[in-house]
Amino acid sequence: MKARVHVTLKPGVLDPQGKAIEHALDTLGFGGIEEVRQGKVIELTLAESDPQAARSKVEEMCRKLLANTVIENYAIDLEA
C-alpha cells in the first residue's frame, strides 16, 4: 500500500520560503499572486494491506516524526 503525506504550515505561521517563491515569481513576471505557501510531500510504501491499519500507522508516523504538529498540518492519501 502506498501513502502520500502532505505537510503544510498552519495558517498564521510565517513561511519565509513561500515569500521567497512569491517574490521570485513576481520578478519573473508572474504578477497577481496574492500569497504562496510551500510544503512537502512524503511518499511511503507500506507492507500493509488493511487501509485502517495503514492509516493508523501513518498517523502515528506523522505525530512522532513527519510533521511538527505545533506549526504544521498534514493530510494523508492512501492507495492500494
PDB file of N, CA and C in Angstrom:
ATOM      1  N   MET A   1       0.844  -1.176   0.000  1.00  0.00           N
ATOM      2  CA  MET A   1       0.000   0.000   0.000  1.00  0.00           C
ATOM      3  C   MET A   1       0.887   1.235   0.000  1.00  0.00           C
ATOM      4  N   LYS A   2       0.465   2.247  -0.747  1.00  0.00           N
ATOM      5  CA  LYS A   2       1.215   3.496  -0.810  1.00  0.00           C
ATOM      6  C   LYS A   2       0.491   4.573  -0.015  1.00  0.00           C
ATOM      7  N   ALA A   3       1.279   5.392   0.660  1.00  0.00           N
ATOM      8  CA  ALA A   3       0.740   6.525   1.403  1.00  0.00           C
ATOM      9  C   ALA A   3       1.476   7.778   0.952  1.00  0.00           C
ATOM     10  N   ARG A   4       0.728   8.838   0.808  1.00  0.00           N
ATOM     11  CA  ARG A   4       1.304  10.131   0.469  1.00  0.00           C
ATOM     12  C   ARG A   4       0.875  11.093   1.575  1.00  0.00           C
ATOM     13  N   VAL A   5       1.854  11.727   2.207  1.00  0.00           N
ATOM     14  CA  VAL A   5       1.597  12.662   3.304  1.00  0.00           C
ATOM     15  C   VAL A   5       1.931  14.066   2.812  1.00  0.00           C
ATOM     16  N   HIS A   6       0.958  14.958   2.885  1.00  0.00           N
ATOM     17  CA  HIS A   6       1.137  16.366   2.513  1.00  0.00           C
ATOM     18  C   HIS A   6       1.277  17.163   3.813  1.00  0.00           C
ATOM     19  N   VAL A   7       2.421  17.808   3.986  1.00  0.00           N
ATOM     20  CA  VAL A   7       2.685  18.580   5.198  1.00  0.00           C
ATOM     21  C   VAL A   7       2.760  20.055   4.816  1.00  0.00           C
ATOM     22  N   THR A   8       1.963  20.874   5.486  1.00  0.00           N
ATOM     23  CA  THR A   8       1.944  22.310   5.220  1.00  0.00           C
ATOM     24  C   THR A   8       1.953  23.071   6.532  1.00  0.00           C
ATOM     25  N   LEU A   9       2.431  24.307   6.469  1.00  0.00           N
ATOM     26  CA  LEU A   9       2.417  25.143   7.660  1.00  0.00           C
ATOM     27  C   LEU A   9       0.986  25.554   7.991  1.00  0.00           C
ATOM     28  N   LYS A  10       0.704  25.652   9.270  1.00  0.00           N
ATOM     29  CA  LYS A  10      -0.618  26.098   9.699  1.00  0.00           C
ATOM     30  C   LYS A  10      -0.809  27.566   9.323  1.00  0.00           C
ATOM     31  N   PRO A  11      -2.066  27.970   9.105  1.00  0.00           N
ATOM     32  CA  PRO A  11      -2.332  29.384   8.818  1.00  0.00           C
ATOM     33  C   PRO A  11      -1.784  30.264   9.948  1.00  0.00           C
ATOM     34  N   GLY A  12      -1.197  31.379   9.584  1.00  0.00           N
ATOM     35  CA  GLY A  12      -0.655  32.300  10.571  1.00  0.00           C
ATOM     36  C   GLY A  12       0.811  32.058  10.896  1.00  0.00           C
ATOM     37  N   VAL A  13       1.358  30.910  10.522  1.00  0.00           N
ATOM     38  CA  VAL A  13       2.776  30.630  10.739  1.00  0.00           C
ATOM     39  C   VAL A  13       3.552  31.250   9.580  1.00  0.00           C
ATOM     40  N   LEU A  14       4.584  32.022   9.903  1.00  0.00           N
ATOM     41  CA  LEU A  14       5.371  32.662   8.865  1.00  0.00           C
ATOM     42  C   LEU A  14       6.005  31.620   7.949  1.00  0.00           C
ATOM     43  N   ASP A  15       6.023  31.908   6.648  1.00  0.00           N
ATOM     44  CA  ASP A  15       6.553  30.997   5.649  1.00  0.00           C
ATOM     45  C   ASP A  15       7.574  31.741   4.794  1.00  0.00           C
ATOM     46  N   PRO A  16       8.836  31.854   5.269  1.00  0.00           N
ATOM     47  CA  PRO A  16       9.833  32.611   4.511  1.00  0.00           C
ATOM     48  C   PRO A  16      10.132  32.004   3.140  1.00  0.00           C
ATOM     49  N   GLN A  17      10.081  30.689   3.010  1.00  0.00           N
ATOM     50  CA  GLN A  17      10.298  30.075   1.699  1.00  0.00           C
ATOM     51  C   GLN A  17       9.167  30.431   0.740  1.00  0.00           C
ATOM     52  N   GLY A  18       7.952  30.433   1.244  1.00  0.00           N
ATOM     53  CA  GLY A  18       6.816  30.843   0.421  1.00  0.00           C
ATOM     54  C   GLY A  18       6.958  32.280  -0.042  1.00  0.00           C
ATOM     55  N   LYS A  19       7.408  33.158   0.862  1.00  0.00           N
ATOM     56  CA  LYS A  19       7.619  34.563   0.498  1.00  0.00           C
ATOM     57  C   LYS A  19       8.705  34.696  -0.567  1.00  0.00           C
ATOM     58  N   ALA A  20       9.780  33.906  -0.456  1.00  0.00           N
ATOM     59  CA  ALA A  20      10.858  33.952  -1.440  1.00  0.00           C
ATOM     60  C   ALA A  20      10.350  33.477  -2.812  1.00  0.00           C
ATOM     61  N   ILE A  21       9.543  32.435  -2.827  1.00  0.00           N
ATOM     62  CA  ILE A  21       8.963  31.947  -4.076  1.00  0.00           C
ATOM     63  C   ILE A  21       8.040  33.003  -4.677  1.00  0.00           C
ATOM     64  N   GLU A  22       7.215  33.617  -3.811  1.00  0.00           N
ATOM     65  CA  GLU A  22       6.296  34.669  -4.274  1.00  0.00           C
ATOM     66  C   GLU A  22       7.067  35.815  -4.913  1.00  0.00           C
ATOM     67  N   HIS A  23       8.142  36.243  -4.266  1.00  0.00           N
ATOM     68  CA  HIS A  23       8.964  37.345  -4.798  1.00  0.00           C
ATOM     69  C   HIS A  23       9.610  36.941  -6.125  1.00  0.00           C
ATOM     70  N   ALA A  24      10.153  35.716  -6.187  1.00  0.00           N
ATOM     71  CA  ALA A  24      10.803  35.252  -7.418  1.00  0.00           C
ATOM     72  C   ALA A  24       9.809  35.179  -8.575  1.00  0.00           C
ATOM     73  N   LEU A  25       8.610  34.700  -8.315  1.00  0.00           N
ATOM     74  CA  LEU A  25       7.591  34.630  -9.359  1.00  0.00           C
ATOM     75  C   LEU A  25       7.235  36.022  -9.864  1.00  0.00           C
ATOM     76  N   ASP A  26       7.118  36.978  -8.938  1.00  0.00           N
ATOM     77  CA  ASP A  26       6.822  38.354  -9.330  1.00  0.00           C
ATOM     78  C   ASP A  26       7.951  38.915 -10.193  1.00  0.00           C
ATOM     79  N   THR A  27       9.180  38.642  -9.801  1.00  0.00           N
ATOM     80  CA  THR A  27      10.347  39.098 -10.564  1.00  0.00           C
ATOM     81  C   THR A  27      10.362  38.510 -11.966  1.00  0.00           C
ATOM     82  N   LEU A  28       9.874  37.284 -12.105  1.00  0.00           N
ATOM     83  CA  LEU A  28       9.825  36.622 -13.410  1.00  0.00           C
ATOM     84  C   LEU A  28       8.624  37.047 -14.252  1.00  0.00           C
ATOM     85  N   GLY A  29       7.820  37.965 -13.710  1.00  0.00           N
ATOM     86  CA  GLY A  29       6.699  38.486 -14.476  1.00  0.00           C
ATOM     87  C   GLY A  29       5.369  37.818 -14.202  1.00  0.00           C
ATOM     88  N   PHE A  30       5.319  36.964 -13.215  1.00  0.00           N
ATOM     89  CA  PHE A  30       4.063  36.305 -12.850  1.00  0.00           C
ATOM     90  C   PHE A  30       3.377  37.113 -11.754  1.00  0.00           C
ATOM     91  N   GLY A  31       2.775  38.237 -12.143  1.00  0.00           N
ATOM     92  CA  GLY A  31       2.110  39.104 -11.186  1.00  0.00           C
ATOM     93  C   GLY A  31       0.746  38.568 -10.792  1.00  0.00           C
ATOM     94  N   GLY A  32       0.136  39.220  -9.834  1.00  0.00           N
ATOM     95  CA  GLY A  32      -1.212  38.859  -9.414  1.00  0.00           C
ATOM     96  C   GLY A  32      -1.268  37.700  -8.442  1.00  0.00           C
ATOM     97  N   ILE A  33      -0.142  37.273  -7.935  1.00  0.00           N
ATOM     98  CA  ILE A  33      -0.139  36.195  -6.938  1.00  0.00           C
ATOM     99  C   ILE A  33      -0.251  36.843  -5.565  1.00  0.00           C
ATOM    100  N   GLU A  34      -1.285  36.509  -4.846  1.00  0.00           N
ATOM    101  CA  GLU A  34      -1.532  37.128  -3.551  1.00  0.00           C
ATOM    102  C   GLU A  34      -0.728  36.499  -2.425  1.00  0.00           C
ATOM    103  N   GLU A  35      -0.522  35.172  -2.484  1.00  0.00           N
ATOM    104  CA  GLU A  35       0.223  34.513  -1.415  1.00  0.00           C
ATOM    105  C   GLU A  35       0.730  33.165  -1.916  1.00  0.00           C
ATOM    106  N   VAL A  36       1.921  32.787  -1.471  1.00  0.00           N
ATOM    107  CA  VAL A  36       2.480  31.468  -1.750  1.00  0.00           C
ATOM    108  C   VAL A  36       2.802  30.801  -0.420  1.00  0.00           C
ATOM    109  N   ARG A  37       2.328  29.589  -0.263  1.00  0.00           N
ATOM    110  CA  ARG A  37       2.659  28.767   0.913  1.00  0.00           C
ATOM    111  C   ARG A  37       3.295  27.503   0.367  1.00  0.00           C
ATOM    112  N   GLN A  38       4.406  27.109   0.920  1.00  0.00           N
ATOM    113  CA  GLN A  38       5.065  25.905   0.446  1.00  0.00           C
ATOM    114  C   GLN A  38       4.973  24.825   1.512  1.00  0.00           C
ATOM    115  N   GLY A  39       5.144  23.597   1.078  1.00  0.00           N
ATOM    116  CA  GLY A  39       5.087  22.465   1.999  1.00  0.00           C
ATOM    117  C   GLY A  39       5.944  21.342   1.458  1.00  0.00           C
ATOM    118  N   LYS A  40       5.655  20.150   1.925  1.00  0.00           N
ATOM    119  CA  LYS A  40       6.407  18.993   1.444  1.00  0.00           C
ATOM    120  C   LYS A  40       5.473  17.804   1.288  1.00  0.00           C
ATOM    121  N   VAL A  41       5.881  16.892   0.419  1.00  0.00           N
ATOM    122  CA  VAL A  41       5.142  15.656   0.193  1.00  0.00           C
ATOM    123  C   VAL A  41       6.083  14.505   0.515  1.00  0.00           C
ATOM    124  N   ILE A  42       5.611  13.569   1.319  1.00  0.00           N
ATOM    125  CA  ILE A  42       6.389  12.396   1.690  1.00  0.00           C
ATOM    126  C   ILE A  42       5.633  11.178   1.184  1.00  0.00           C
ATOM    127  N   GLU A  43       6.293  10.352   0.375  1.00  0.00           N
ATOM    128  CA  GLU A  43       5.671   9.141  -0.159  1.00  0.00           C
ATOM    129  C   GLU A  43       6.245   7.926   0.550  1.00  0.00           C
ATOM    130  N   LEU A  44       5.354   7.060   0.992  1.00  0.00           N
ATOM    131  CA  LEU A  44       5.738   5.854   1.721  1.00  0.00           C
ATOM    132  C   LEU A  44       5.123   4.639   1.044  1.00  0.00           C
ATOM    133  N   THR A  45       5.861   3.542   0.993  1.00  0.00           N
ATOM    134  CA  THR A  45       5.318   2.267   0.553  1.00  0.00           C
ATOM    135  C   THR A  45       5.284   1.366   1.778  1.00  0.00           C
ATOM    136  N   LEU A  46       4.093   0.920   2.124  1.00  0.00           N
ATOM    137  CA  LEU A  46       3.891   0.140   3.347  1.00  0.00           C
ATOM    138  C   LEU A  46       3.614  -1.323   3.024  1.00  0.00           C
ATOM    139  N   ALA A  47       4.112  -2.201   3.866  1.00  0.00           N
ATOM    140  CA  ALA A  47       3.811  -3.630   3.751  1.00  0.00           C
ATOM    141  C   ALA A  47       2.551  -3.911   4.565  1.00  0.00           C
ATOM    142  N   GLU A  48       1.482  -3.223   4.219  1.00  0.00           N
ATOM    143  CA  GLU A  48       0.212  -3.302   4.958  1.00  0.00           C
ATOM    144  C   GLU A  48      -0.913  -3.350   3.940  1.00  0.00           C
ATOM    145  N   SER A  49      -1.834  -4.282   4.106  1.00  0.00           N
ATOM    146  CA  SER A  49      -2.940  -4.385   3.149  1.00  0.00           C
ATOM    147  C   SER A  49      -4.251  -3.820   3.696  1.00  0.00           C
ATOM    148  N   ASP A  50      -4.344  -3.653   4.997  1.00  0.00           N
ATOM    149  CA  ASP A  50      -5.563  -3.126   5.621  1.00  0.00           C
ATOM    150  C   ASP A  50      -5.489  -1.595   5.651  1.00  0.00           C
ATOM    151  N   PRO A  51      -6.399  -0.900   4.953  1.00  0.00           N
ATOM    152  CA  PRO A  51      -6.352   0.564   4.899  1.00  0.00           C
ATOM    153  C   PRO A  51      -6.429   1.233   6.271  1.00  0.00           C
ATOM    154  N   GLN A  52      -7.246   0.707   7.171  1.00  0.00           N
ATOM    155  CA  GLN A  52      -7.363   1.313   8.501  1.00  0.00           C
ATOM    156  C   GLN A  52      -6.057   1.196   9.275  1.00  0.00           C
ATOM    157  N   ALA A  53      -5.432   0.014   9.208  1.00  0.00           N
ATOM    158  CA  ALA A  53      -4.164  -0.194   9.900  1.00  0.00           C
ATOM    159  C   ALA A  53      -3.075   0.685   9.290  1.00  0.00           C
ATOM    160  N   ALA A  54      -3.078   0.806   7.964  1.00  0.00           N
ATOM    161  CA  ALA A  54      -2.088   1.644   7.290  1.00  0.00           C
ATOM    162  C   ALA A  54      -2.258   3.098   7.699  1.00  0.00           C
ATOM    163  N   ARG A  55      -3.501   3.589   7.685  1.00  0.00           N
ATOM    164  CA  ARG A  55      -3.754   4.990   8.064  1.00  0.00           C
ATOM    165  C   ARG A  55      -3.330   5.240   9.504  1.00  0.00           C
ATOM    166  N   SER A  56      -3.634   4.306  10.381  1.00  0.00           N
ATOM    167  CA  SER A  56      -3.264   4.438  11.784  1.00  0.00           C
ATOM    168  C   SER A  56      -1.749   4.511  11.950  1.00  0.00           C
ATOM    169  N   LYS A  57      -1.039   3.667  11.216  1.00  0.00           N
ATOM    170  CA  LYS A  57       0.417   3.643  11.289  1.00  0.00           C
ATOM    171  C   LYS A  57       1.000   4.959  10.766  1.00  0.00           C
ATOM    172  N   VAL A  58       0.480   5.452   9.648  1.00  0.00           N
ATOM    173  CA  VAL A  58       0.994   6.695   9.075  1.00  0.00           C
ATOM    174  C   VAL A  58       0.645   7.883   9.967  1.00  0.00           C
ATOM    175  N   GLU A  59      -0.534   7.876  10.584  1.00  0.00           N
ATOM    176  CA  GLU A  59      -0.899   8.936  11.543  1.00  0.00           C
ATOM    177  C   GLU A  59       0.132   9.003  12.666  1.00  0.00           C
ATOM    178  N   GLU A  60       0.506   7.846  13.185  1.00  0.00           N
ATOM    179  CA  GLU A  60       1.496   7.806  14.264  1.00  0.00           C
ATOM    180  C   GLU A  60       2.846   8.327  13.783  1.00  0.00           C
ATOM    181  N   MET A  61       3.236   7.956  12.550  1.00  0.00           N
ATOM    182  CA  MET A  61       4.485   8.454  11.971  1.00  0.00           C
ATOM    183  C   MET A  61       4.471   9.973  11.880  1.00  0.00           C
ATOM    184  N   CYS A  62       3.332  10.520  11.471  1.00  0.00           N
ATOM    185  CA  CYS A  62       3.202  11.976  11.348  1.00  0.00           C
ATOM    186  C   CYS A  62       3.338  12.656  12.699  1.00  0.00           C
ATOM    187  N   ARG A  63       2.643  12.121  13.691  1.00  0.00           N
ATOM    188  CA  ARG A  63       2.695  12.726  15.028  1.00  0.00           C
ATOM    189  C   ARG A  63       4.084  12.638  15.643  1.00  0.00           C
ATOM    190  N   LYS A  64       4.809  11.549  15.368  1.00  0.00           N
ATOM    191  CA  LYS A  64       6.112  11.338  16.012  1.00  0.00           C
ATOM    192  C   LYS A  64       7.299  11.912  15.235  1.00  0.00           C
ATOM    193  N   LEU A  65       7.187  12.017  13.900  1.00  0.00           N
ATOM    194  CA  LEU A  65       8.362  12.415  13.138  1.00  0.00           C
ATOM    195  C   LEU A  65       8.080  13.291  11.919  1.00  0.00           C
ATOM    196  N   LEU A  66       7.133  12.919  11.104  1.00  0.00           N
ATOM    197  CA  LEU A  66       6.996  13.529   9.781  1.00  0.00           C
ATOM    198  C   LEU A  66       6.478  14.962   9.801  1.00  0.00           C
ATOM    199  N   ALA A  67       5.721  15.335  10.824  1.00  0.00           N
ATOM    200  CA  ALA A  67       5.176  16.694  10.907  1.00  0.00           C
ATOM    201  C   ALA A  67       5.374  17.249  12.314  1.00  0.00           C
ATOM    202  N   ASN A  68       5.677  18.520  12.371  1.00  0.00           N
ATOM    203  CA  ASN A  68       5.732  19.222  13.656  1.00  0.00           C
ATOM    204  C   ASN A  68       4.327  19.761  13.899  1.00  0.00           C
ATOM    205  N   THR A  69       3.527  19.015  14.652  1.00  0.00           N
ATOM    206  CA  THR A  69       2.101  19.333  14.778  1.00  0.00           C
ATOM    207  C   THR A  69       1.825  20.644  15.509  1.00  0.00           C
ATOM    208  N   VAL A  70       2.844  21.267  16.078  1.00  0.00           N
ATOM    209  CA  VAL A  70       2.656  22.579  16.696  1.00  0.00           C
ATOM    210  C   VAL A  70       2.464  23.635  15.608  1.00  0.00           C
ATOM    211  N   ILE A  71       3.220  23.514  14.512  1.00  0.00           N
ATOM    212  CA  ILE A  71       3.170  24.540  13.462  1.00  0.00           C
ATOM    213  C   ILE A  71       2.749  24.001  12.096  1.00  0.00           C
ATOM    214  N   GLU A  72       2.561  22.673  11.975  1.00  0.00           N
ATOM    215  CA  GLU A  72       2.238  22.101  10.675  1.00  0.00           C
ATOM    216  C   GLU A  72       0.969  21.258  10.713  1.00  0.00           C
ATOM    217  N   ASN A  73       0.248  21.265   9.601  1.00  0.00           N
ATOM    218  CA  ASN A  73      -0.871  20.365   9.365  1.00  0.00           C
ATOM    219  C   ASN A  73      -0.397  19.276   8.424  1.00  0.00           C
ATOM    220  N   TYR A  74      -1.099  18.145   8.445  1.00  0.00           N
ATOM    221  CA  TYR A  74      -0.781  17.099   7.480  1.00  0.00           C
ATOM    222  C   TYR A  74      -2.067  16.441   7.009  1.00  0.00           C
ATOM    223  N   ALA A  75      -1.992  15.910   5.791  1.00  0.00           N
ATOM    224  CA  ALA A  75      -3.116  15.171   5.200  1.00  0.00           C
ATOM    225  C   ALA A  75      -2.526  13.903   4.601  1.00  0.00           C
ATOM    226  N   ILE A  76      -3.266  12.811   4.742  1.00  0.00           N
ATOM    227  CA  ILE A  76      -2.800  11.504   4.286  1.00  0.00           C
ATOM    228  C   ILE A  76      -3.690  11.002   3.158  1.00  0.00           C
ATOM    229  N   ASP A  77      -3.067  10.585   2.055  1.00  0.00           N
ATOM    230  CA  ASP A  77      -3.756   9.915   0.948  1.00  0.00           C
ATOM    231  C   ASP A  77      -3.229   8.501   0.882  1.00  0.00           C
ATOM    232  N   LEU A  78      -4.138   7.521   0.841  1.00  0.00           N
ATOM    233  CA  LEU A  78      -3.752   6.116   0.715  1.00  0.00           C
ATOM    234  C   LEU A  78      -4.223   5.580  -0.620  1.00  0.00           C
ATOM    235  N   GLU A  79      -3.408   4.704  -1.220  1.00  0.00           N
ATOM    236  CA  GLU A  79      -3.840   3.986  -2.420  1.00  0.00           C
ATOM    237  C   GLU A  79      -3.290   2.578  -2.362  1.00  0.00           C
ATOM    238  N   ALA A  80      -4.118   1.652  -2.808  1.00  0.00           N
ATOM    239  CA  ALA A  80      -3.729   0.231  -2.750  1.00  0.00           C
ATOM    240  C   ALA A  80      -2.716  -0.106  -3.795  1.00  0.00           C
TER     241      ALA A  80
END
